[in-house]
C-alpha atoms as a PDB file:
ATOM      1  CA  MET A   1     -15.766 -52.119 -65.599  1.00  0.00           C
ATOM      2  CA  LYS A   2     -12.300 -51.459 -64.148  1.00  0.00           C
ATOM      3  CA  THR A   3     -12.123 -49.204 -61.086  1.00  0.00           C
ATOM      4  CA  THR A   4      -9.565 -47.989 -58.627  1.00  0.00           C
ATOM      5  CA  LYS A   5      -8.863 -49.173 -55.064  1.00  0.00           C
ATOM      6  CA  ARG A   6      -9.818 -45.836 -53.576  1.00  0.00           C
ATOM      7  CA  PHE A   7     -13.074 -45.709 -55.558  1.00  0.00           C
ATOM      8  CA  ASP A   8     -14.011 -49.263 -54.447  1.00  0.00           C
ATOM      9  CA  ALA A   9     -13.190 -48.475 -50.827  1.00  0.00           C
ATOM     10  CA  ALA A  10     -15.089 -45.196 -50.901  1.00  0.00           C
ATOM     11  CA  ILE A  11     -18.197 -46.666 -52.483  1.00  0.00           C
ATOM     12  CA  HIS A  12     -18.230 -49.527 -50.052  1.00  0.00           C
ATOM     13  CA  LYS A  13     -17.983 -47.124 -47.075  1.00  0.00           C
ATOM     14  CA  LEU A  14     -20.682 -44.783 -48.414  1.00  0.00           C
ATOM     15  CA  TYR A  15     -22.996 -47.621 -49.320  1.00  0.00           C
ATOM     16  CA  THR A  16     -22.657 -49.137 -45.859  1.00  0.00           C
ATOM     17  CA  ALA A  17     -23.141 -45.749 -44.196  1.00  0.00           C
ATOM     18  CA  PHE A  18     -26.318 -45.086 -46.267  1.00  0.00           C
ATOM     19  CA  HIS A  19     -27.930 -48.454 -45.518  1.00  0.00           C
ATOM     20  CA  SER A  20     -27.006 -48.485 -41.819  1.00  0.00           C
ATOM     21  CA  ASN A  21     -28.375 -44.944 -41.300  1.00  0.00           C
ATOM     22  CA  GLN A  22     -24.863 -43.549 -40.550  1.00  0.00           C
ATOM     23  CA  LEU A  23     -24.767 -40.999 -43.291  1.00  0.00           C
ATOM     24  CA  ASN A  24     -25.477 -37.492 -41.909  1.00  0.00           C
ATOM     25  CA  PRO A  25     -24.440 -34.252 -43.624  1.00  0.00           C
ATOM     26  CA  ALA A  26     -24.597 -32.326 -40.264  1.00  0.00           C
ATOM     27  CA  CYS A  27     -21.894 -34.567 -38.633  1.00  0.00           C
ATOM     28  CA  CYS A  28     -18.175 -34.320 -39.640  1.00  0.00           C
ATOM     29  CA  LYS A  29     -17.774 -38.098 -38.799  1.00  0.00           C
ATOM     30  CA  GLN A  30     -20.815 -39.300 -40.591  1.00  0.00           C
ATOM     31  CA  CYS A  31     -20.816 -37.016 -43.671  1.00  0.00           C
ATOM     32  CA  ALA A  32     -19.501 -38.304 -47.029  1.00  0.00           C
ATOM     33  CA  VAL A  33     -15.886 -37.426 -46.260  1.00  0.00           C
ATOM     34  CA  GLY A  34     -16.057 -38.575 -42.661  1.00  0.00           C
ATOM     35  CA  ASN A  35     -17.304 -41.982 -43.855  1.00  0.00           C
ATOM     36  CA  ILE A  36     -14.634 -42.200 -46.552  1.00  0.00           C
ATOM     37  CA  LEU A  37     -12.020 -41.455 -43.886  1.00  0.00           C
ATOM     38  CA  ASP A  38     -13.256 -44.106 -41.558  1.00  0.00           C
ATOM     39  CA  LYS A  39     -15.603 -42.050 -39.368  1.00  0.00           C
ATOM     40  CA  THR A  40     -12.937 -39.536 -38.455  1.00  0.00           C
ATOM     41  CA  ASP A  41     -13.205 -35.764 -38.368  1.00  0.00           C
ATOM     42  CA  GLY A  42      -9.567 -34.708 -38.767  1.00  0.00           C
ATOM     43  CA  TRP A  43     -10.314 -33.674 -42.372  1.00  0.00           C
ATOM     44  CA  LYS A  44     -12.196 -30.618 -41.037  1.00  0.00           C
ATOM     45  CA  HIS A  45      -8.904 -28.979 -40.239  1.00  0.00           C
ATOM     46  CA  LEU A  46      -8.100 -28.722 -43.936  1.00  0.00           C
ATOM     47  CA  SER A  47     -10.350 -25.719 -44.371  1.00  0.00           C
ATOM     48  CA  ASP A  48     -11.663 -22.973 -42.194  1.00  0.00           C
ATOM     49  CA  SER A  49     -15.198 -23.223 -43.385  1.00  0.00           C
ATOM     50  CA  HIS A  50     -17.203 -26.467 -43.696  1.00  0.00           C
ATOM     51  CA  GLY A  51     -18.265 -26.753 -47.326  1.00  0.00           C
ATOM     52  CA  SER A  52     -15.661 -24.424 -48.712  1.00  0.00           C
ATOM     53  CA  LEU A  53     -13.121 -25.329 -51.358  1.00  0.00           C
ATOM     54  CA  ASN A  54     -10.513 -23.080 -49.922  1.00  0.00           C
ATOM     55  CA  LEU A  55      -7.718 -24.901 -48.212  1.00  0.00           C
ATOM     56  CA  ASN A  56      -6.255 -23.241 -45.099  1.00  0.00           C
ATOM     57  CA  TYR A  57      -2.630 -23.309 -44.174  1.00  0.00           C
ATOM     58  CA  VAL A  58      -2.818 -26.933 -42.889  1.00  0.00           C
ATOM     59  CA  GLY A  59      -4.721 -28.023 -46.033  1.00  0.00           C
ATOM     60  CA  GLN A  60      -2.273 -26.244 -48.356  1.00  0.00           C
ATOM     61  CA  ALA A  61       0.689 -27.872 -46.554  1.00  0.00           C
ATOM     62  CA  HIS A  62      -0.753 -31.328 -46.936  1.00  0.00           C
ATOM     63  CA  GLN A  63      -1.756 -30.622 -50.545  1.00  0.00           C
ATOM     64  CA  SER A  64       1.758 -29.323 -51.525  1.00  0.00           C
ATOM     65  CA  MET A  65       3.446 -32.342 -49.854  1.00  0.00           C
ATOM     66  CA  GLY A  66       1.236 -34.622 -51.969  1.00  0.00           C
ATOM     67  CA  ARG A  67      -0.398 -36.120 -48.851  1.00  0.00           C
ATOM     68  CA  LYS A  68      -3.426 -38.301 -49.505  1.00  0.00           C
ATOM     69  CA  PHE A  69      -6.048 -39.522 -47.170  1.00  0.00           C
ATOM     70  CA  ASN A  70      -7.427 -42.947 -48.037  1.00  0.00           C
ATOM     71  CA  GLY A  71      -6.300 -42.102 -51.594  1.00  0.00           C
ATOM     72  CA  TYR A  72      -7.790 -38.604 -51.859  1.00  0.00           C
ATOM     73  CA  THR A  73      -5.852 -35.266 -51.767  1.00  0.00           C
ATOM     74  CA  PRO A  74      -7.127 -32.510 -49.436  1.00  0.00           C
ATOM     75  CA  LEU A  75      -8.668 -30.539 -52.348  1.00  0.00           C
ATOM     76  CA  GLU A  76     -10.433 -33.655 -53.527  1.00  0.00           C
ATOM     77  CA  LEU A  77     -11.880 -34.227 -49.989  1.00  0.00           C
ATOM     78  CA  LEU A  78     -13.180 -30.670 -49.918  1.00  0.00           C
ATOM     79  CA  GLN A  79     -14.801 -31.138 -53.389  1.00  0.00           C
ATOM     80  CA  ILE A  80     -16.423 -34.316 -52.255  1.00  0.00           C
ATOM     81  CA  GLU A  81     -17.866 -32.698 -49.114  1.00  0.00           C
ATOM     82  CA  GLN A  82     -19.058 -29.634 -51.014  1.00  0.00           C
ATOM     83  CA  ALA A  83     -20.759 -31.852 -53.655  1.00  0.00           C
ATOM     84  CA  PHE A  84     -22.450 -33.908 -50.900  1.00  0.00           C
ATOM     85  CA  LEU A  85     -23.650 -30.864 -48.919  1.00  0.00           C
ATOM     86  CA  GLU A  86     -25.022 -28.943 -51.966  1.00  0.00           C
ATOM     87  CA  ALA A  87     -26.753 -32.015 -53.342  1.00  0.00           C
ATOM     88  CA  CYS A  88     -28.367 -32.530 -49.892  1.00  0.00           C
ATOM     89  CA  GLY A  89     -29.716 -28.988 -50.151  1.00  0.00           C
ATOM     90  CA  PHE A  90     -27.165 -27.011 -48.080  1.00  0.00           C
ATOM     91  CA  GLU A  91     -25.846 -23.658 -49.192  1.00  0.00           C
ATOM     92  CA  THR A  92     -22.139 -23.742 -48.897  1.00  0.00           C
ATOM     93  CA  PRO A  93     -19.976 -22.908 -47.083  1.00  0.00           C
ATOM     94  CA  LEU A  94     -22.159 -23.789 -44.087  1.00  0.00           C
ATOM     95  CA  HIS A  95     -23.378 -20.893 -42.019  1.00  0.00           C
ATOM     96  CA  HIS A  96     -26.329 -20.638 -39.607  1.00  0.00           C
ATOM     97  CA  ARG A  97     -27.993 -18.053 -42.000  1.00  0.00           C
ATOM     98  CA  HIS A  98     -27.528 -20.177 -45.118  1.00  0.00           C
ATOM     99  CA  LYS A  99     -30.186 -22.388 -46.652  1.00  0.00           C
ATOM    100  CA  LYS A 100     -30.344 -25.969 -45.385  1.00  0.00           C
ATOM    101  CA  PRO A 101     -32.768 -28.849 -45.853  1.00  0.00           C
ATOM    102  CA  SER A 102     -35.566 -29.205 -43.251  1.00  0.00           C
ATOM    103  CA  ASN A 103     -34.766 -32.882 -42.800  1.00  0.00           C
ATOM    104  CA  PRO A 104     -31.145 -33.519 -43.726  1.00  0.00           C
ATOM    105  CA  THR A 105     -31.223 -37.236 -42.812  1.00  0.00           C
ATOM    106  CA  ASP A 106     -34.216 -37.989 -45.021  1.00  0.00           C
ATOM    107  CA  LYS A 107     -33.341 -40.970 -47.276  1.00  0.00           C
ATOM    108  CA  ASP A 108     -34.195 -39.087 -50.442  1.00  0.00           C
ATOM    109  CA  VAL A 109     -32.083 -36.146 -49.479  1.00  0.00           C
ATOM    110  CA  LEU A 110     -29.166 -38.452 -48.592  1.00  0.00           C
ATOM    111  CA  PHE A 111     -29.574 -40.376 -51.810  1.00  0.00           C
ATOM    112  CA  GLN A 112     -29.261 -37.139 -53.803  1.00  0.00           C
ATOM    113  CA  GLY A 113     -26.030 -36.282 -51.914  1.00  0.00           C
ATOM    114  CA  LEU A 114     -24.727 -39.897 -52.360  1.00  0.00           C
ATOM    115  CA  SER A 115     -25.462 -39.750 -56.077  1.00  0.00           C
ATOM    116  CA  ALA A 116     -23.554 -36.512 -56.541  1.00  0.00           C
ATOM    117  CA  VAL A 117     -20.561 -37.847 -54.606  1.00  0.00           C
ATOM    118  CA  ILE A 118     -20.453 -41.050 -56.587  1.00  0.00           C
ATOM    119  CA  THR A 119     -20.652 -39.032 -59.903  1.00  0.00           C
ATOM    120  CA  LEU A 120     -17.728 -36.941 -58.680  1.00  0.00           C
ATOM    121  CA  LEU A 121     -15.655 -39.989 -57.610  1.00  0.00           C
ATOM    122  CA  CYS A 122     -16.183 -41.464 -61.060  1.00  0.00           C
ATOM    123  CA  ASN A 123     -15.019 -38.224 -62.670  1.00  0.00           C
ATOM    124  CA  PHE A 124     -11.910 -38.190 -60.344  1.00  0.00           C
ATOM    125  CA  ASP A 125     -10.953 -41.643 -61.557  1.00  0.00           C
ATOM    126  CA  ASN A 126     -12.118 -41.367 -65.212  1.00  0.00           C
ATOM    127  CA  ILE A 127     -14.651 -44.138 -64.554  1.00  0.00           C
ATOM    128  CA  PRO A 128     -18.008 -44.179 -66.465  1.00  0.00           C
ATOM    129  CA  ASN A 129     -20.683 -42.920 -64.060  1.00  0.00           C
ATOM    130  CA  VAL A 130     -22.126 -45.884 -62.286  1.00  0.00           C
ATOM    131  CA  MET A 131     -25.088 -43.867 -61.285  1.00  0.00           C
ATOM    132  CA  ASP A 132     -26.151 -43.128 -64.872  1.00  0.00           C
ATOM    133  CA  TYR A 133     -29.325 -45.075 -65.179  1.00  0.00           C
ATOM    134  CA  LYS A 134     -29.557 -44.261 -68.902  1.00  0.00           C
ATOM    135  CA  ARG A 135     -26.784 -46.802 -69.645  1.00  0.00           C
ATOM    136  CA  VAL A 136     -28.941 -49.566 -67.970  1.00  0.00           C
ATOM    137  CA  PHE A 137     -31.862 -48.739 -70.134  1.00  0.00           C
ATOM    138  CA  LYS A 138     -29.811 -48.308 -73.313  1.00  0.00           C
ATOM    139  CA  SER A 139     -28.178 -51.808 -72.886  1.00  0.00           C
ATOM    140  CA  SER A 140     -31.611 -53.353 -72.123  1.00  0.00           C
ATOM    141  CA  GLU A 141     -33.047 -51.726 -75.235  1.00  0.00           C
ATOM    142  CA  MET A 142     -30.155 -52.992 -77.381  1.00  0.00           C
ATOM    143  CA  ALA A 143     -30.718 -56.518 -76.052  1.00  0.00           C
ATOM    144  CA  ILE A 144     -34.499 -56.352 -76.761  1.00  0.00           C
ATOM    145  CA  THR A 145     -33.833 -54.945 -80.236  1.00  0.00           C
ATOM    146  CA  LYS A 146     -31.343 -57.850 -80.994  1.00  0.00           C
ATOM    147  CA  LYS A 147     -34.081 -60.424 -79.862  1.00  0.00           C
ATOM    148  CA  ILE A 148     -36.674 -58.845 -82.012  1.00  0.00           C
ATOM    149  CA  LYS A 149     -34.391 -58.917 -85.067  1.00  0.00           C
ATOM    150  CA  ALA A 150     -33.410 -62.483 -84.486  1.00  0.00           C
END
């Protein structure tokens, strides 16, 4: 399957963060976007509310200039972060009164967030969803069927 450079780089960083316990939705440097942007938090200045899809003045300026951060536009970064937070069980935009998971760094919670982000990244780059387990079973089923018929 052919992928893009930005997809490959993002997946590598997210995979590494997940397996080294450095993926944390409550930290701007260790969340999905923080990891994609090399553990930096400058991206948080693109919006006034964490988890919002509304670009602020700075975000709109970067978006209108065509600026990309590790291959992603400001709006794409906000979409990635929102997908990650919501799949981890947060109500967005983040607010102390909004719903949040009891243990946001639980591996199952993080896996749900990671899966949602990977699905979104695949959609951005028109790549078949690498997280779609049905494809694995379908190809295995076809191989078994061919062996039985042979």
